[in-house]
């Protein structure tokens, strides 16, 4: 059975994806800060599931968690850097510490996750790195500058790694979801078009990962909308988004 490790697995997309991969026959390693939720999920999944508590912003905790899961389940075939944080943080009342915390979770956390298993993948000349980014990384969204910036940064990094690691037999996937029903989006007050349930999102992501796609962007309406918005001239982009928020 192949082995997948998913961070941010205690709720939302991470939990749903772990359940979906396990249903498809994967052994699943679960990583998050909240131990009680991880224990409950591992018990619900049963055989072929294991958990390790870690804060992905801490490189040592993340490395130790990955080592424990690989020792328990076997070498990691797929790692999904899913742990994420989103905070409404507009520039006119900017919380600088919150800005850096978003970056630490969304960017640093993904790096800590990937580098913990990457040497083994390179040695075996096989493996798959995936990061859950966001369509918000396509452009700087109003009131969500730190979140958009962190997702743009992590998408660009993994895109570069995709080219670098091809010679090592390692696939790299960037996942760009739109709005998904999760505890994080439940805090949003702004409109969230084309909202999708987490279990459906997990099926789409799992399908793409099993096909080793380089990019998984969904739903299709948001994919085309954000790609169109990406190429708008600045004066038109500013006018459109200022009316939407």
Protein backbone atom coordinates (compact mmCIF):
# COMPACT_ATOMS: atom_id res chain seq x y z
CA UNK A 1 0.00 0.00 0.00
CA UNK A 2 1.38 3.47 -0.85
CA UNK A 3 1.94 5.92 2.01
CA UNK A 4 0.61 9.48 2.11
CA UNK A 5 1.27 12.04 4.84
CA UNK A 6 -1.13 14.98 5.14
CA UNK A 7 -0.54 18.04 7.32
CA UNK A 8 -3.40 20.11 8.68
CA UNK A 9 -5.30 16.82 8.92
CA UNK A 10 -7.38 17.66 11.98
CA UNK A 11 -10.14 19.44 10.04
CA UNK A 12 -11.22 20.89 6.70
CA UNK A 13 -9.55 19.87 3.46
CA UNK A 14 -6.78 17.97 5.25
CA UNK A 15 -9.18 15.76 7.17
CA UNK A 16 -11.38 15.15 4.12
CA UNK A 17 -8.38 14.34 1.93
CA UNK A 18 -6.94 11.92 4.48
CA UNK A 19 -10.29 10.11 4.62
CA UNK A 20 -10.51 9.98 0.82
CA UNK A 21 -6.98 8.70 0.30
CA UNK A 22 -7.47 6.03 2.98
CA UNK A 23 -10.71 4.96 1.28
CA UNK A 24 -8.73 4.52 -1.95
CA UNK A 25 -6.26 2.16 -0.33
CA UNK A 26 -3.50 4.48 0.88
CA UNK A 27 -1.85 4.26 4.26
CA UNK A 28 -2.29 7.73 5.73
CA UNK A 29 -0.15 9.67 8.18
CA UNK A 30 -1.96 12.51 9.92
CA UNK A 31 -0.17 15.64 11.15
CA UNK A 32 -1.62 18.66 12.96
CA UNK A 33 -1.33 20.56 16.23
CA UNK A 34 -4.58 19.29 17.76
CA UNK A 35 -3.86 15.82 19.09
CA UNK A 36 -7.40 14.95 20.19
CA UNK A 37 -8.78 15.45 16.68
CA UNK A 38 -5.93 13.43 15.17
CA UNK A 39 -6.48 10.55 17.58
CA UNK A 40 -10.20 10.52 16.80
CA UNK A 41 -9.58 10.54 13.05
CA UNK A 42 -6.94 7.80 13.23
CA UNK A 43 -9.32 5.65 15.25
CA UNK A 44 -12.10 6.29 12.76
CA UNK A 45 -9.89 5.29 9.83
CA UNK A 46 -8.48 2.24 11.60
CA UNK A 47 -5.78 0.05 10.09
CA UNK A 48 -3.33 1.87 7.87
CA UNK A 49 -3.64 5.22 9.68
CA UNK A 50 -1.24 6.81 12.14
CA UNK A 51 -0.86 10.27 13.62
CA UNK A 52 1.84 12.60 14.92
CA UNK A 53 1.32 15.95 16.59
CA UNK A 54 3.39 18.85 15.27
CA UNK A 55 3.29 22.56 14.56
CA UNK A 56 4.54 22.86 10.98
CA UNK A 57 6.10 26.25 11.73
CA UNK A 58 8.60 24.34 13.88
CA UNK A 59 11.09 22.54 11.66
CA UNK A 60 12.20 20.10 14.38
CA UNK A 61 8.67 19.11 15.35
CA UNK A 62 7.77 18.60 11.70
CA UNK A 63 10.87 16.52 10.96
CA UNK A 64 10.27 14.35 14.04
CA UNK A 65 6.60 13.83 13.12
CA UNK A 66 7.49 12.77 9.59
CA UNK A 67 10.19 10.41 10.85
CA UNK A 68 7.74 8.81 13.27
CA UNK A 69 5.11 8.30 10.58
CA UNK A 70 7.60 6.86 8.10
CA UNK A 71 8.86 4.48 10.80
CA UNK A 72 5.27 3.43 11.50
CA UNK A 73 3.78 3.28 7.99
CA UNK A 74 6.77 3.00 5.67
CA UNK A 75 8.58 5.42 3.35
CA UNK A 76 6.46 8.38 2.27
CA UNK A 77 5.27 8.16 -1.34
CA UNK A 78 3.15 11.33 -1.19
CA UNK A 79 3.29 14.28 1.16
CA UNK A 80 0.56 16.93 1.10
CA UNK A 81 1.55 20.22 2.73
CA UNK A 82 -1.98 21.32 3.54
CA UNK A 83 -1.72 23.14 6.87
CA UNK A 84 -2.82 26.72 6.32
CA UNK A 85 -3.90 29.93 7.99
CA UNK A 86 -5.99 32.79 6.66
CA UNK A 87 -6.62 36.07 8.49
CA UNK A 88 -8.49 39.14 7.26
CA UNK A 89 -5.70 41.72 7.51
CA UNK A 90 -6.17 44.89 5.40
CA UNK A 91 -3.32 47.36 5.01
CA UNK A 92 -5.17 50.25 6.69
CA UNK A 93 -5.16 48.38 10.04
CA UNK A 94 -2.30 46.00 9.37
CA UNK A 95 -1.33 43.52 12.06
CA UNK A 96 2.32 42.89 11.18
CA UNK A 97 2.76 39.92 13.51
CA UNK A 98 -0.35 38.28 12.03
CA UNK A 99 1.11 38.88 8.56
CA UNK A 100 4.28 37.00 9.46
CA UNK A 101 2.33 34.24 11.22
CA UNK A 102 0.35 33.59 8.04
CA UNK A 103 3.62 33.37 6.13
CA UNK A 104 5.15 31.05 8.74
CA UNK A 105 2.26 28.61 8.47
CA UNK A 106 1.52 28.79 4.75
CA UNK A 107 5.05 29.11 3.38
CA UNK A 108 7.54 28.04 6.05
CA UNK A 109 5.25 25.20 7.12
CA UNK A 110 5.06 23.84 3.58
CA UNK A 111 8.84 24.01 3.27
CA UNK A 112 9.38 22.23 6.60
CA UNK A 113 6.92 19.54 5.51
CA UNK A 114 8.52 18.92 2.14
CA UNK A 115 12.16 18.96 3.21
CA UNK A 116 11.45 16.45 5.98
CA UNK A 117 10.73 13.72 3.41
CA UNK A 118 12.52 15.01 0.32
CA UNK A 119 15.97 13.45 0.99
CA UNK A 120 14.41 9.99 1.20
CA UNK A 121 12.48 10.55 -2.01
CA UNK A 122 15.62 11.69 -3.81
CA UNK A 123 17.50 8.63 -2.54
CA UNK A 124 14.70 6.34 -3.80
CA UNK A 125 14.27 8.32 -7.06
CA UNK A 126 10.52 8.36 -6.50
CA UNK A 127 7.91 10.34 -4.62
CA UNK A 128 5.37 13.11 -4.87
CA UNK A 129 5.30 16.54 -3.20
CA UNK A 130 2.00 18.43 -3.12
CA UNK A 131 1.08 21.75 -1.59
CA UNK A 132 -2.42 23.10 -1.02
CA UNK A 133 -2.14 26.70 -2.16
CA UNK A 134 -5.16 28.77 -3.26
CA UNK A 135 -6.64 30.66 -6.19
CA UNK A 136 -5.95 33.67 -3.95
CA UNK A 137 -2.33 33.32 -5.03
CA UNK A 138 -3.16 34.42 -8.57
CA UNK A 139 -3.50 38.09 -7.55
CA UNK A 140 -3.35 40.20 -4.41
CA UNK A 141 -6.91 40.10 -3.08
CA UNK A 142 -8.24 43.07 -1.08
CA UNK A 143 -8.01 42.66 2.71
CA UNK A 144 -6.14 39.38 2.22
CA UNK A 145 -2.73 40.60 1.13
CA UNK A 146 -0.70 38.43 3.54
CA UNK A 147 -2.71 35.33 2.61
CA UNK A 148 -2.49 36.00 -1.12
CA UNK A 149 1.24 36.70 -0.87
CA UNK A 150 1.95 33.52 1.09
CA UNK A 151 0.02 31.40 -1.41
CA UNK A 152 1.67 33.04 -4.41
CA UNK A 153 5.07 32.42 -2.83
CA UNK A 154 4.47 28.76 -2.07
CA UNK A 155 2.98 28.10 -5.52
CA UNK A 156 6.00 29.69 -7.19
CA UNK A 157 8.42 27.72 -5.03
CA UNK A 158 6.78 24.38 -5.75
CA UNK A 159 6.54 25.23 -9.46
CA UNK A 160 10.29 25.72 -9.48
CA UNK A 161 10.81 22.50 -7.54
CA UNK A 162 8.67 20.66 -10.09
CA UNK A 163 11.25 21.41 -12.76
CA UNK A 164 14.21 20.79 -10.46
CA UNK A 165 12.98 17.39 -9.25
CA UNK A 166 11.81 15.92 -12.54
CA UNK A 167 15.25 14.40 -13.06
CA UNK A 168 14.92 12.68 -9.66
CA UNK A 169 11.64 10.98 -10.58
CA UNK A 170 9.68 13.12 -8.11
CA UNK A 171 6.35 14.69 -9.08
CA UNK A 172 5.28 18.08 -7.70
CA UNK A 173 1.68 19.31 -7.58
CA UNK A 174 0.22 22.70 -6.67
CA UNK A 175 -3.41 22.55 -5.56
CA UNK A 176 -5.38 25.80 -5.96
CA UNK A 177 -8.85 25.46 -4.43
CA UNK A 178 -11.50 28.13 -4.50
CA UNK A 179 -13.83 28.57 -1.52
CA UNK A 180 -14.27 25.32 0.43
CA UNK A 181 -16.56 24.81 3.43
CA UNK A 182 -14.03 24.62 6.27
CA UNK A 183 -13.65 26.16 9.73
CA UNK A 184 -11.34 28.78 8.15
CA UNK A 185 -13.84 29.98 5.53
CA UNK A 186 -16.63 29.93 8.14
CA UNK A 187 -15.00 33.08 9.57
CA UNK A 188 -15.30 35.02 6.30
CA UNK A 189 -17.87 37.79 6.05
CA UNK A 190 -17.41 38.53 2.35
CA UNK A 191 -19.16 36.72 -0.56
CA UNK A 192 -17.69 33.31 -1.41
CA UNK A 193 -18.88 32.30 -4.89
CA UNK A 194 -18.89 28.68 -6.08
CA UNK A 195 -18.51 27.33 -2.53
CA UNK A 196 -17.76 23.60 -2.43
CA UNK A 197 -18.00 21.02 0.35
CA UNK A 198 -14.74 19.59 1.68
CA UNK A 199 -15.50 15.98 0.80
CA UNK A 200 -16.11 16.88 -2.85
CA UNK A 201 -12.92 18.94 -2.90
CA UNK A 202 -11.04 15.96 -1.47
CA UNK A 203 -12.23 13.73 -4.31
CA UNK A 204 -11.07 16.24 -6.92
CA UNK A 205 -7.69 16.61 -5.24
CA UNK A 206 -7.23 12.84 -4.84
CA UNK A 207 -8.11 12.27 -8.50
CA UNK A 208 -5.49 14.80 -9.57
CA UNK A 209 -2.84 13.49 -7.21
CA UNK A 210 -3.29 9.92 -8.37
CA UNK A 211 -2.82 11.16 -11.95
CA UNK A 212 0.26 13.11 -10.75
CA UNK A 213 -1.04 16.33 -12.27
CA UNK A 214 1.17 19.37 -11.85
CA UNK A 215 -1.77 21.69 -11.17
CA UNK A 216 -5.18 21.05 -9.61
CA UNK A 217 -7.31 24.21 -9.71
CA UNK A 218 -11.04 24.05 -8.95
CA UNK A 219 -13.95 24.58 -9.16
CA UNK A 220 -13.80 25.21 -12.89
CA UNK A 221 -15.71 28.49 -12.60
CA UNK A 222 -13.18 29.88 -10.15
CA UNK A 223 -10.29 28.53 -12.19
CA UNK A 224 -11.31 30.48 -15.27
CA UNK A 225 -12.40 33.55 -13.31
CA UNK A 226 -9.08 33.89 -11.49
CA UNK A 227 -7.01 33.21 -14.59
CA UNK A 228 -8.96 35.94 -16.38
CA UNK A 229 -8.53 38.30 -13.42
CA UNK A 230 -4.80 37.57 -13.41
CA UNK A 231 -4.40 39.17 -16.83
CA UNK A 232 -6.56 42.23 -16.25
CA UNK A 233 -4.70 45.54 -16.49
CA UNK A 234 -4.20 47.06 -13.05
CA UNK A 235 -6.61 49.95 -13.56
CA UNK A 236 -9.43 47.56 -14.48
CA UNK A 237 -8.55 45.04 -11.76
CA UNK A 238 -8.63 47.79 -9.11
CA UNK A 239 -12.03 48.98 -10.30
CA UNK A 240 -13.56 45.49 -10.43
CA UNK A 241 -12.38 44.24 -7.05
CA UNK A 242 -13.10 47.51 -5.22
CA UNK A 243 -16.75 47.10 -6.19
CA UNK A 244 -16.82 43.43 -5.17
CA UNK A 245 -15.72 43.93 -1.56
